[in-house]
Amino acid sequence: MRTLLLILGWSSVIGSFGDGALGLYALWINFINDWVLSNISVDEFLKNYVQLIYWVKQVAFYVLPESVVFWLFNLPALLYFPMRIIMSVAIGWWALSKAAQLSMKPV
């Protein structure tokens, strides 16, 4: 269980850096385009500006209900990425703190 929590915790924390980079890129794209794209969806952002990781949408269809995938990918990118960072950090902190508690218990 401790190993699972460590993997979850560290992947969440490390993933937050990726989300931060994507969020900054979305912010930069809006800045250079005079905020015309301020409501660009996550789907449009990934499809038009970060095609390299657009495959994550297909993975999402395998692990989430279709309605949830459509809802997530239709959210504005400038809202989605900051919220995702907050959630990832919270989940990562929780998982790492639980893993630390498990390591303190005698075997």
PDB file of N, CA and C in Angstrom:
ATOM      1  N   MET A   1       0.826  -1.193   0.000  1.00  0.00           N
ATOM      2  CA  MET A   1       0.000   0.000   0.000  1.00  0.00           C
ATOM      3  C   MET A   1       0.869   1.255   0.000  1.00  0.00           C
ATOM      4  N   ARG A   2       1.951   1.204   0.759  1.00  0.00           N
ATOM      5  CA  ARG A   2       2.838   2.365   0.839  1.00  0.00           C
ATOM      6  C   ARG A   2       3.429   2.687  -0.526  1.00  0.00           C
ATOM      7  N   THR A   3       3.813   1.658  -1.279  1.00  0.00           N
ATOM      8  CA  THR A   3       4.389   1.865  -2.618  1.00  0.00           C
ATOM      9  C   THR A   3       3.372   2.528  -3.544  1.00  0.00           C
ATOM     10  N   LEU A   4       2.137   2.069  -3.494  1.00  0.00           N
ATOM     11  CA  LEU A   4       1.076   2.665  -4.307  1.00  0.00           C
ATOM     12  C   LEU A   4       0.878   4.143  -3.956  1.00  0.00           C
ATOM     13  N   LEU A   5       0.867   4.443  -2.669  1.00  0.00           N
ATOM     14  CA  LEU A   5       0.707   5.834  -2.233  1.00  0.00           C
ATOM     15  C   LEU A   5       1.892   6.700  -2.669  1.00  0.00           C
ATOM     16  N   LEU A   6       3.107   6.150  -2.612  1.00  0.00           N
ATOM     17  CA  LEU A   6       4.279   6.896  -3.064  1.00  0.00           C
ATOM     18  C   LEU A   6       4.218   7.172  -4.569  1.00  0.00           C
ATOM     19  N   ILE A   7       3.810   6.177  -5.343  1.00  0.00           N
ATOM     20  CA  ILE A   7       3.685   6.368  -6.791  1.00  0.00           C
ATOM     21  C   ILE A   7       2.610   7.413  -7.087  1.00  0.00           C
ATOM     22  N   LEU A   8       1.466   7.300  -6.430  1.00  0.00           N
ATOM     23  CA  LEU A   8       0.387   8.272  -6.622  1.00  0.00           C
ATOM     24  C   LEU A   8       0.836   9.671  -6.223  1.00  0.00           C
ATOM     25  N   GLY A   9       1.485   9.775  -5.080  1.00  0.00           N
ATOM     26  CA  GLY A   9       1.919  11.079  -4.576  1.00  0.00           C
ATOM     27  C   GLY A   9       2.926  11.751  -5.479  1.00  0.00           C
ATOM     28  N   TRP A  10       3.980  11.019  -5.836  1.00  0.00           N
ATOM     29  CA  TRP A  10       5.023  11.624  -6.663  1.00  0.00           C
ATOM     30  C   TRP A  10       4.544  11.893  -8.080  1.00  0.00           C
ATOM     31  N   SER A  11       3.719  11.016  -8.640  1.00  0.00           N
ATOM     32  CA  SER A  11       3.212  11.277  -9.989  1.00  0.00           C
ATOM     33  C   SER A  11       2.283  12.488  -9.998  1.00  0.00           C
ATOM     34  N   SER A  12       1.545  12.688  -8.923  1.00  0.00           N
ATOM     35  CA  SER A  12       0.686  13.872  -8.825  1.00  0.00           C
ATOM     36  C   SER A  12       1.513  15.148  -8.719  1.00  0.00           C
ATOM     37  N   VAL A  13       2.538  15.119  -7.893  1.00  0.00           N
ATOM     38  CA  VAL A  13       3.377  16.308  -7.719  1.00  0.00           C
ATOM     39  C   VAL A  13       4.143  16.617  -9.010  1.00  0.00           C
ATOM     40  N   ILE A  14       4.738  15.611  -9.612  1.00  0.00           N
ATOM     41  CA  ILE A  14       5.488  15.818 -10.854  1.00  0.00           C
ATOM     42  C   ILE A  14       4.545  16.242 -11.979  1.00  0.00           C
ATOM     43  N   GLY A  15       3.364  15.638 -12.027  1.00  0.00           N
ATOM     44  CA  GLY A  15       2.371  16.015 -13.031  1.00  0.00           C
ATOM     45  C   GLY A  15       1.937  17.465 -12.912  1.00  0.00           C
ATOM     46  N   SER A  16       1.982  18.003 -11.701  1.00  0.00           N
ATOM     47  CA  SER A  16       1.626  19.406 -11.494  1.00  0.00           C
ATOM     48  C   SER A  16       2.559  20.340 -12.249  1.00  0.00           C
ATOM     49  N   PHE A  17       3.834  19.950 -12.357  1.00  0.00           N
ATOM     50  CA  PHE A  17       4.775  20.768 -13.115  1.00  0.00           C
ATOM     51  C   PHE A  17       4.410  20.780 -14.601  1.00  0.00           C
ATOM     52  N   GLY A  18       4.007  19.619 -15.117  1.00  0.00           N
ATOM     53  CA  GLY A  18       3.560  19.541 -16.508  1.00  0.00           C
ATOM     54  C   GLY A  18       2.317  20.375 -16.739  1.00  0.00           C
ATOM     55  N   ASP A  19       1.372  20.279 -15.818  1.00  0.00           N
ATOM     56  CA  ASP A  19       0.156  21.091 -15.926  1.00  0.00           C
ATOM     57  C   ASP A  19       0.475  22.572 -15.830  1.00  0.00           C
ATOM     58  N   GLY A  20       1.430  22.916 -14.980  1.00  0.00           N
ATOM     59  CA  GLY A  20       1.847  24.313 -14.862  1.00  0.00           C
ATOM     60  C   GLY A  20       2.447  24.817 -16.165  1.00  0.00           C
ATOM     61  N   ALA A  21       3.272  23.981 -16.795  1.00  0.00           N
ATOM     62  CA  ALA A  21       3.877  24.363 -18.072  1.00  0.00           C
ATOM     63  C   ALA A  21       2.805  24.548 -19.145  1.00  0.00           C
ATOM     64  N   LEU A  22       1.837  23.647 -19.182  1.00  0.00           N
ATOM     65  CA  LEU A  22       0.750  23.780 -20.152  1.00  0.00           C
ATOM     66  C   LEU A  22      -0.096  25.018 -19.865  1.00  0.00           C
ATOM     67  N   GLY A  23      -0.362  25.268 -18.595  1.00  0.00           N
ATOM     68  CA  GLY A  23      -1.117  26.459 -18.224  1.00  0.00           C
ATOM     69  C   GLY A  23      -0.394  27.740 -18.604  1.00  0.00           C
ATOM     70  N   LEU A  24       0.917  27.777 -18.373  1.00  0.00           N
ATOM     71  CA  LEU A  24       1.701  28.950 -18.765  1.00  0.00           C
ATOM     72  C   LEU A  24       1.730  29.117 -20.281  1.00  0.00           C
ATOM     73  N   TYR A  25       1.802  28.014 -20.990  1.00  0.00           N
ATOM     74  CA  TYR A  25       1.786  28.071 -22.455  1.00  0.00           C
ATOM     75  C   TYR A  25       0.438  28.612 -22.945  1.00  0.00           C
ATOM     76  N   ALA A  26      -0.659  28.140 -22.356  1.00  0.00           N
ATOM     77  CA  ALA A  26      -1.987  28.656 -22.724  1.00  0.00           C
ATOM     78  C   ALA A  26      -2.086  30.146 -22.414  1.00  0.00           C
ATOM     79  N   LEU A  27      -1.535  30.546 -21.286  1.00  0.00           N
ATOM     80  CA  LEU A  27      -1.514  31.960 -20.916  1.00  0.00           C
ATOM     81  C   LEU A  27      -0.691  32.770 -21.923  1.00  0.00           C
ATOM     82  N   TRP A  28       0.462  32.248 -22.304  1.00  0.00           N
ATOM     83  CA  TRP A  28       1.326  32.922 -23.266  1.00  0.00           C
ATOM     84  C   TRP A  28       0.628  33.073 -24.628  1.00  0.00           C
ATOM     85  N   ILE A  29      -0.019  32.009 -25.081  1.00  0.00           N
ATOM     86  CA  ILE A  29      -0.738  32.063 -26.358  1.00  0.00           C
ATOM     87  C   ILE A  29      -1.817  33.143 -26.308  1.00  0.00           C
ATOM     88  N   ASN A  30      -2.507  33.245 -25.198  1.00  0.00           N
ATOM     89  CA  ASN A  30      -3.523  34.286 -25.059  1.00  0.00           C
ATOM     90  C   ASN A  30      -2.905  35.676 -25.031  1.00  0.00           C
ATOM     91  N   PHE A  31      -1.798  35.807 -24.355  1.00  0.00           N
ATOM     92  CA  PHE A  31      -1.121  37.095 -24.258  1.00  0.00           C
ATOM     93  C   PHE A  31      -0.683  37.601 -25.629  1.00  0.00           C
ATOM     94  N   ILE A  32      -0.045  36.726 -26.417  1.00  0.00           N
ATOM     95  CA  ILE A  32       0.442  37.175 -27.724  1.00  0.00           C
ATOM     96  C   ILE A  32      -0.688  37.379 -28.738  1.00  0.00           C
ATOM     97  N   ASN A  33      -1.869  36.826 -28.460  1.00  0.00           N
ATOM     98  CA  ASN A  33      -3.024  36.999 -29.350  1.00  0.00           C
ATOM     99  C   ASN A  33      -4.040  37.993 -28.787  1.00  0.00           C
ATOM    100  N   ASP A  34      -3.586  38.862 -27.909  1.00  0.00           N
ATOM    101  CA  ASP A  34      -4.450  39.901 -27.314  1.00  0.00           C
ATOM    102  C   ASP A  34      -5.709  39.328 -26.658  1.00  0.00           C
ATOM    103  N   TRP A  35      -5.583  38.171 -26.025  1.00  0.00           N
ATOM    104  CA  TRP A  35      -6.636  37.525 -25.231  1.00  0.00           C
ATOM    105  C   TRP A  35      -7.865  37.133 -26.050  1.00  0.00           C
ATOM    106  N   VAL A  36      -7.687  37.011 -27.358  1.00  0.00           N
ATOM    107  CA  VAL A  36      -8.786  36.573 -28.220  1.00  0.00           C
ATOM    108  C   VAL A  36      -9.168  35.128 -27.905  1.00  0.00           C
ATOM    109  N   LEU A  37      -8.197  34.344 -27.465  1.00  0.00           N
ATOM    110  CA  LEU A  37      -8.421  32.921 -27.200  1.00  0.00           C
ATOM    111  C   LEU A  37      -8.644  32.623 -25.715  1.00  0.00           C
ATOM    112  N   SER A  38      -9.119  33.593 -24.969  1.00  0.00           N
ATOM    113  CA  SER A  38      -9.237  33.396 -23.519  1.00  0.00           C
ATOM    114  C   SER A  38     -10.212  32.288 -23.137  1.00  0.00           C
ATOM    115  N   ASN A  39     -11.134  31.946 -24.004  1.00  0.00           N
ATOM    116  CA  ASN A  39     -12.080  30.865 -23.720  1.00  0.00           C
ATOM    117  C   ASN A  39     -11.765  29.591 -24.483  1.00  0.00           C
ATOM    118  N   ILE A  40     -10.539  29.460 -24.982  1.00  0.00           N
ATOM    119  CA  ILE A  40     -10.183  28.252 -25.726  1.00  0.00           C
ATOM    120  C   ILE A  40     -10.324  27.032 -24.821  1.00  0.00           C
ATOM    121  N   SER A  41     -10.965  25.998 -25.355  1.00  0.00           N
ATOM    122  CA  SER A  41     -11.183  24.788 -24.557  1.00  0.00           C
ATOM    123  C   SER A  41      -9.900  23.977 -24.472  1.00  0.00           C
ATOM    124  N   VAL A  42      -9.882  23.070 -23.529  1.00  0.00           N
ATOM    125  CA  VAL A  42      -8.735  22.164 -23.376  1.00  0.00           C
ATOM    126  C   VAL A  42      -8.559  21.367 -24.665  1.00  0.00           C
ATOM    127  N   ASP A  43      -9.659  20.908 -25.254  1.00  0.00           N
ATOM    128  CA  ASP A  43      -9.604  20.140 -26.487  1.00  0.00           C
ATOM    129  C   ASP A  43      -8.964  20.946 -27.616  1.00  0.00           C
ATOM    130  N   GLU A  44      -9.429  22.162 -27.836  1.00  0.00           N
ATOM    131  CA  GLU A  44      -8.868  23.007 -28.893  1.00  0.00           C
ATOM    132  C   GLU A  44      -7.408  23.340 -28.622  1.00  0.00           C
ATOM    133  N   PHE A  45      -7.090  23.627 -27.377  1.00  0.00           N
ATOM    134  CA  PHE A  45      -5.719  23.961 -27.011  1.00  0.00           C
ATOM    135  C   PHE A  45      -4.775  22.804 -27.321  1.00  0.00           C
ATOM    136  N   LEU A  46      -5.135  21.607 -26.886  1.00  0.00           N
ATOM    137  CA  LEU A  46      -4.279  20.448 -27.141  1.00  0.00           C
ATOM    138  C   LEU A  46      -4.217  20.120 -28.632  1.00  0.00           C
ATOM    139  N   LYS A  47      -5.369  20.167 -29.304  1.00  0.00           N
ATOM    140  CA  LYS A  47      -5.422  19.817 -30.723  1.00  0.00           C
ATOM    141  C   LYS A  47      -4.634  20.805 -31.583  1.00  0.00           C
ATOM    142  N   ASN A  48      -4.712  22.086 -31.262  1.00  0.00           N
ATOM    143  CA  ASN A  48      -4.103  23.104 -32.118  1.00  0.00           C
ATOM    144  C   ASN A  48      -2.705  23.537 -31.698  1.00  0.00           C
ATOM    145  N   TYR A  49      -2.361  23.389 -30.420  1.00  0.00           N
ATOM    146  CA  TYR A  49      -1.092  23.932 -29.937  1.00  0.00           C
ATOM    147  C   TYR A  49      -0.157  22.904 -29.302  1.00  0.00           C
ATOM    148  N   VAL A  50      -0.700  21.780 -28.843  1.00  0.00           N
ATOM    149  CA  VAL A  50       0.131  20.767 -28.188  1.00  0.00           C
ATOM    150  C   VAL A  50      -0.271  19.382 -28.713  1.00  0.00           C
ATOM    151  N   GLN A  51      -0.179  19.219 -30.045  1.00  0.00           N
ATOM    152  CA  GLN A  51      -0.619  17.966 -30.669  1.00  0.00           C
ATOM    153  C   GLN A  51       0.117  16.754 -30.125  1.00  0.00           C
ATOM    154  N   LEU A  52       1.326  16.953 -29.646  1.00  0.00           N
ATOM    155  CA  LEU A  52       2.153  15.855 -29.135  1.00  0.00           C
ATOM    156  C   LEU A  52       1.460  15.072 -28.018  1.00  0.00           C
ATOM    157  N   ILE A  53       0.632  15.734 -27.229  1.00  0.00           N
ATOM    158  CA  ILE A  53      -0.031  15.034 -26.119  1.00  0.00           C
ATOM    159  C   ILE A  53      -1.543  14.925 -26.298  1.00  0.00           C
ATOM    160  N   TYR A  54      -2.022  15.143 -27.510  1.00  0.00           N
ATOM    161  CA  TYR A  54      -3.468  15.049 -27.753  1.00  0.00           C
ATOM    162  C   TYR A  54      -3.989  13.627 -27.531  1.00  0.00           C
ATOM    163  N   TRP A  55      -3.101  12.643 -27.528  1.00  0.00           N
ATOM    164  CA  TRP A  55      -3.480  11.248 -27.296  1.00  0.00           C
ATOM    165  C   TRP A  55      -4.106  11.046 -25.914  1.00  0.00           C
ATOM    166  N   VAL A  56      -3.863  11.963 -24.986  1.00  0.00           N
ATOM    167  CA  VAL A  56      -4.434  11.793 -23.643  1.00  0.00           C
ATOM    168  C   VAL A  56      -5.955  11.778 -23.677  1.00  0.00           C
ATOM    169  N   LYS A  57      -6.541  12.388 -24.698  1.00  0.00           N
ATOM    170  CA  LYS A  57      -8.005  12.368 -24.812  1.00  0.00           C
ATOM    171  C   LYS A  57      -8.488  10.938 -25.040  1.00  0.00           C
ATOM    172  N   GLN A  58      -7.786  10.184 -25.863  1.00  0.00           N
ATOM    173  CA  GLN A  58      -8.169   8.794 -26.103  1.00  0.00           C
ATOM    174  C   GLN A  58      -8.017   7.954 -24.836  1.00  0.00           C
ATOM    175  N   VAL A  59      -6.966   8.207 -24.084  1.00  0.00           N
ATOM    176  CA  VAL A  59      -6.778   7.496 -22.815  1.00  0.00           C
ATOM    177  C   VAL A  59      -7.927   7.835 -21.865  1.00  0.00           C
ATOM    178  N   ALA A  60      -8.322   9.094 -21.849  1.00  0.00           N
ATOM    179  CA  ALA A  60      -9.426   9.518 -20.975  1.00  0.00           C
ATOM    180  C   ALA A  60     -10.706   8.756 -21.302  1.00  0.00           C
ATOM    181  N   PHE A  61     -10.963   8.491 -22.585  1.00  0.00           N
ATOM    182  CA  PHE A  61     -12.156   7.723 -22.964  1.00  0.00           C
ATOM    183  C   PHE A  61     -12.110   6.298 -22.423  1.00  0.00           C
ATOM    184  N   TYR A  62     -10.921   5.750 -22.232  1.00  0.00           N
ATOM    185  CA  TYR A  62     -10.800   4.397 -21.694  1.00  0.00           C
ATOM    186  C   TYR A  62     -11.027   4.341 -20.186  1.00  0.00           C
ATOM    187  N   VAL A  63     -10.695   5.416 -19.480  1.00  0.00           N
ATOM    188  CA  VAL A  63     -10.750   5.362 -18.017  1.00  0.00           C
ATOM    189  C   VAL A  63     -11.893   6.169 -17.395  1.00  0.00           C
ATOM    190  N   LEU A  64     -12.559   7.003 -18.187  1.00  0.00           N
ATOM    191  CA  LEU A  64     -13.646   7.833 -17.657  1.00  0.00           C
ATOM    192  C   LEU A  64     -14.898   7.653 -18.499  1.00  0.00           C
ATOM    193  N   PRO A  65     -16.049   7.935 -17.916  1.00  0.00           N
ATOM    194  CA  PRO A  65     -17.275   7.921 -18.722  1.00  0.00           C
ATOM    195  C   PRO A  65     -17.198   8.997 -19.818  1.00  0.00           C
ATOM    196  N   GLU A  66     -17.800   8.696 -20.951  1.00  0.00           N
ATOM    197  CA  GLU A  66     -17.746   9.595 -22.108  1.00  0.00           C
ATOM    198  C   GLU A  66     -18.218  11.006 -21.777  1.00  0.00           C
ATOM    199  N   SER A  67     -19.284  11.121 -21.007  1.00  0.00           N
ATOM    200  CA  SER A  67     -19.811  12.450 -20.674  1.00  0.00           C
ATOM    201  C   SER A  67     -18.811  13.270 -19.857  1.00  0.00           C
ATOM    202  N   VAL A  68     -18.054  12.605 -18.987  1.00  0.00           N
ATOM    203  CA  VAL A  68     -17.048  13.296 -18.181  1.00  0.00           C
ATOM    204  C   VAL A  68     -15.904  13.773 -19.073  1.00  0.00           C
ATOM    205  N   VAL A  69     -15.490  12.944 -20.023  1.00  0.00           N
ATOM    206  CA  VAL A  69     -14.407  13.324 -20.936  1.00  0.00           C
ATOM    207  C   VAL A  69     -14.821  14.551 -21.742  1.00  0.00           C
ATOM    208  N   PHE A  70     -16.019  14.530 -22.307  1.00  0.00           N
ATOM    209  CA  PHE A  70     -16.481  15.687 -23.081  1.00  0.00           C
ATOM    210  C   PHE A  70     -16.557  16.933 -22.214  1.00  0.00           C
ATOM    211  N   TRP A  71     -17.023  16.776 -20.977  1.00  0.00           N
ATOM    212  CA  TRP A  71     -17.114  17.922 -20.069  1.00  0.00           C
ATOM    213  C   TRP A  71     -15.728  18.481 -19.758  1.00  0.00           C
ATOM    214  N   LEU A  72     -14.788  17.623 -19.397  1.00  0.00           N
ATOM    215  CA  LEU A  72     -13.428  18.067 -19.061  1.00  0.00           C
ATOM    216  C   LEU A  72     -12.743  18.755 -20.236  1.00  0.00           C
ATOM    217  N   PHE A  73     -12.838  18.158 -21.417  1.00  0.00           N
ATOM    218  CA  PHE A  73     -12.139  18.702 -22.572  1.00  0.00           C
ATOM    219  C   PHE A  73     -12.825  19.933 -23.162  1.00  0.00           C
ATOM    220  N   ASN A  74     -14.034  20.223 -22.711  1.00  0.00           N
ATOM    221  CA  ASN A  74     -14.709  21.449 -23.143  1.00  0.00           C
ATOM    222  C   ASN A  74     -14.531  22.599 -22.159  1.00  0.00           C
ATOM    223  N   LEU A  75     -13.891  22.340 -21.031  1.00  0.00           N
ATOM    224  CA  LEU A  75     -13.618  23.417 -20.077  1.00  0.00           C
ATOM    225  C   LEU A  75     -12.596  24.389 -20.665  1.00  0.00           C
ATOM    226  N   PRO A  76     -12.666  25.655 -20.273  1.00  0.00           N
ATOM    227  CA  PRO A  76     -11.634  26.598 -20.726  1.00  0.00           C
ATOM    228  C   PRO A  76     -10.264  26.199 -20.175  1.00  0.00           C
ATOM    229  N   ALA A  77      -9.253  26.206 -21.037  1.00  0.00           N
ATOM    230  CA  ALA A  77      -7.906  25.792 -20.646  1.00  0.00           C
ATOM    231  C   ALA A  77      -7.367  26.662 -19.514  1.00  0.00           C
ATOM    232  N   LEU A  78      -7.680  27.959 -19.541  1.00  0.00           N
ATOM    233  CA  LEU A  78      -7.169  28.858 -18.501  1.00  0.00           C
ATOM    234  C   LEU A  78      -7.824  28.621 -17.146  1.00  0.00           C
ATOM    235  N   LEU A  79      -8.921  27.895 -17.113  1.00  0.00           N
ATOM    236  CA  LEU A  79      -9.556  27.494 -15.859  1.00  0.00           C
ATOM    237  C   LEU A  79      -9.106  26.089 -15.460  1.00  0.00           C
ATOM    238  N   TYR A  80      -9.024  25.209 -16.439  1.00  0.00           N
ATOM    239  CA  TYR A  80      -8.725  23.806 -16.192  1.00  0.00           C
ATOM    240  C   TYR A  80      -7.340  23.582 -15.580  1.00  0.00           C
ATOM    241  N   PHE A  81      -6.302  24.159 -16.177  1.00  0.00           N
ATOM    242  CA  PHE A  81      -4.951  23.865 -15.718  1.00  0.00           C
ATOM    243  C   PHE A  81      -4.669  24.362 -14.300  1.00  0.00           C
ATOM    244  N   PRO A  82      -5.070  25.566 -13.916  1.00  0.00           N
ATOM    245  CA  PRO A  82      -4.852  25.951 -12.503  1.00  0.00           C
ATOM    246  C   PRO A  82      -5.617  25.057 -11.519  1.00  0.00           C
ATOM    247  N   MET A  83      -6.845  24.674 -11.871  1.00  0.00           N
ATOM    248  CA  MET A  83      -7.617  23.791 -10.987  1.00  0.00           C
ATOM    249  C   MET A  83      -6.962  22.415 -10.899  1.00  0.00           C
ATOM    250  N   ARG A  84      -6.439  21.946 -12.009  1.00  0.00           N
ATOM    251  CA  ARG A  84      -5.771  20.644 -12.022  1.00  0.00           C
ATOM    252  C   ARG A  84      -4.505  20.673 -11.164  1.00  0.00           C
ATOM    253  N   ILE A  85      -3.780  21.773 -11.197  1.00  0.00           N
ATOM    254  CA  ILE A  85      -2.583  21.897 -10.363  1.00  0.00           C
ATOM    255  C   ILE A  85      -2.959  21.818  -8.896  1.00  0.00           C
ATOM    256  N   ILE A  86      -3.984  22.548  -8.508  1.00  0.00           N
ATOM    257  CA  ILE A  86      -4.432  22.551  -7.112  1.00  0.00           C
ATOM    258  C   ILE A  86      -4.837  21.146  -6.678  1.00  0.00           C
ATOM    259  N   MET A  87      -5.609  20.464  -7.508  1.00  0.00           N
ATOM    260  CA  MET A  87      -6.062  19.112  -7.166  1.00  0.00           C
ATOM    261  C   MET A  87      -4.887  18.129  -7.113  1.00  0.00           C
ATOM    262  N   SER A  88      -3.958  18.230  -8.059  1.00  0.00           N
ATOM    263  CA  SER A  88      -2.812  17.314  -8.081  1.00  0.00           C
ATOM    264  C   SER A  88      -1.920  17.505  -6.869  1.00  0.00           C
ATOM    265  N   VAL A  89      -1.696  18.751  -6.501  1.00  0.00           N
ATOM    266  CA  VAL A  89      -0.870  19.014  -5.321  1.00  0.00           C
ATOM    267  C   VAL A  89      -1.567  18.481  -4.066  1.00  0.00           C
ATOM    268  N   ALA A  90      -2.871  18.698  -3.967  1.00  0.00           N
ATOM    269  CA  ALA A  90      -3.616  18.216  -2.794  1.00  0.00           C
ATOM    270  C   ALA A  90      -3.576  16.683  -2.715  1.00  0.00           C
ATOM    271  N   ILE A  91      -3.813  16.019  -3.832  1.00  0.00           N
ATOM    272  CA  ILE A  91      -3.781  14.551  -3.852  1.00  0.00           C
ATOM    273  C   ILE A  91      -2.376  14.048  -3.554  1.00  0.00           C
ATOM    274  N   GLY A  92      -1.376  14.678  -4.170  1.00  0.00           N
ATOM    275  CA  GLY A  92       0.015  14.277  -3.936  1.00  0.00           C
ATOM    276  C   GLY A  92       0.424  14.452  -2.489  1.00  0.00           C
ATOM    277  N   TRP A  93       0.072  15.588  -1.903  1.00  0.00           N
ATOM    278  CA  TRP A  93       0.397  15.846  -0.496  1.00  0.00           C
ATOM    279  C   TRP A  93      -0.271  14.806   0.397  1.00  0.00           C
ATOM    280  N   TRP A  94      -1.553  14.526   0.139  1.00  0.00           N
ATOM    281  CA  TRP A  94      -2.280  13.545   0.939  1.00  0.00           C
ATOM    282  C   TRP A  94      -1.618  12.170   0.830  1.00  0.00           C
ATOM    283  N   ALA A  95      -1.338  11.734  -0.414  1.00  0.00           N
ATOM    284  CA  ALA A  95      -0.763  10.397  -0.619  1.00  0.00           C
ATOM    285  C   ALA A  95       0.619  10.281   0.017  1.00  0.00           C
ATOM    286  N   LEU A  96       1.446  11.312  -0.130  1.00  0.00           N
ATOM    287  CA  LEU A  96       2.789  11.252   0.462  1.00  0.00           C
ATOM    288  C   LEU A  96       2.731  11.286   1.986  1.00  0.00           C
ATOM    289  N   SER A  97       1.801  12.053   2.546  1.00  0.00           N
ATOM    290  CA  SER A  97       1.694  12.084   4.010  1.00  0.00           C
ATOM    291  C   SER A  97       1.175  10.746   4.550  1.00  0.00           C
ATOM    292  N   LYS A  98       0.254  10.117   3.838  1.00  0.00           N
ATOM    293  CA  LYS A  98      -0.229   8.781   4.249  1.00  0.00           C
ATOM    294  C   LYS A  98       0.889   7.751   4.133  1.00  0.00           C
ATOM    295  N   ALA A  99       1.693   7.846   3.079  1.00  0.00           N
ATOM    296  CA  ALA A  99       2.825   6.911   2.910  1.00  0.00           C
ATOM    297  C   ALA A  99       3.830   7.100   4.034  1.00  0.00           C
ATOM    298  N   ALA A 100       4.047   8.341   4.445  1.00  0.00           N
ATOM    299  CA  ALA A 100       4.969   8.604   5.543  1.00  0.00           C
ATOM    300  C   ALA A 100       4.445   8.012   6.847  1.00  0.00           C
ATOM    301  N   GLN A 101       3.146   8.097   7.076  1.00  0.00           N
ATOM    302  CA  GLN A 101       2.548   7.513   8.277  1.00  0.00           C
ATOM    303  C   GLN A 101       2.703   6.001   8.278  1.00  0.00           C
ATOM    304  N   LEU A 102       2.555   5.393   7.102  1.00  0.00           N
ATOM    305  CA  LEU A 102       2.697   3.934   7.019  1.00  0.00           C
ATOM    306  C   LEU A 102       4.139   3.505   7.284  1.00  0.00           C
ATOM    307  N   SER A 103       5.103   4.330   6.907  1.00  0.00           N
ATOM    308  CA  SER A 103       6.496   3.948   7.129  1.00  0.00           C
ATOM    309  C   SER A 103       6.890   4.059   8.606  1.00  0.00           C
ATOM    310  N   MET A 104       6.113   4.801   9.392  1.00  0.00           N
ATOM    311  CA  MET A 104       6.420   4.976  10.806  1.00  0.00           C
ATOM    312  C   MET A 104       5.894   3.811  11.652  1.00  0.00           C
ATOM    313  N   LYS A 105       4.940   3.075  11.113  1.00  0.00           N
ATOM    314  CA  LYS A 105       4.363   1.964  11.874  1.00  0.00           C
ATOM    315  C   LYS A 105       5.338   0.789  11.904  1.00  0.00           C
ATOM    316  N   PRO A 106       5.462   0.138  13.052  1.00  0.00           N
ATOM    317  CA  PRO A 106       6.344  -1.041  13.106  1.00  0.00           C
ATOM    318  C   PRO A 106       5.753  -2.193  12.284  1.00  0.00           C
ATOM    319  N   VAL A 107       6.637  -2.970  11.722  1.00  0.00           N
ATOM    320  CA  VAL A 107       6.201  -4.078  10.867  1.00  0.00           C
ATOM    321  C   VAL A 107       5.998  -5.330  11.653  1.00  0.00           C
TER     322      VAL A 107
END
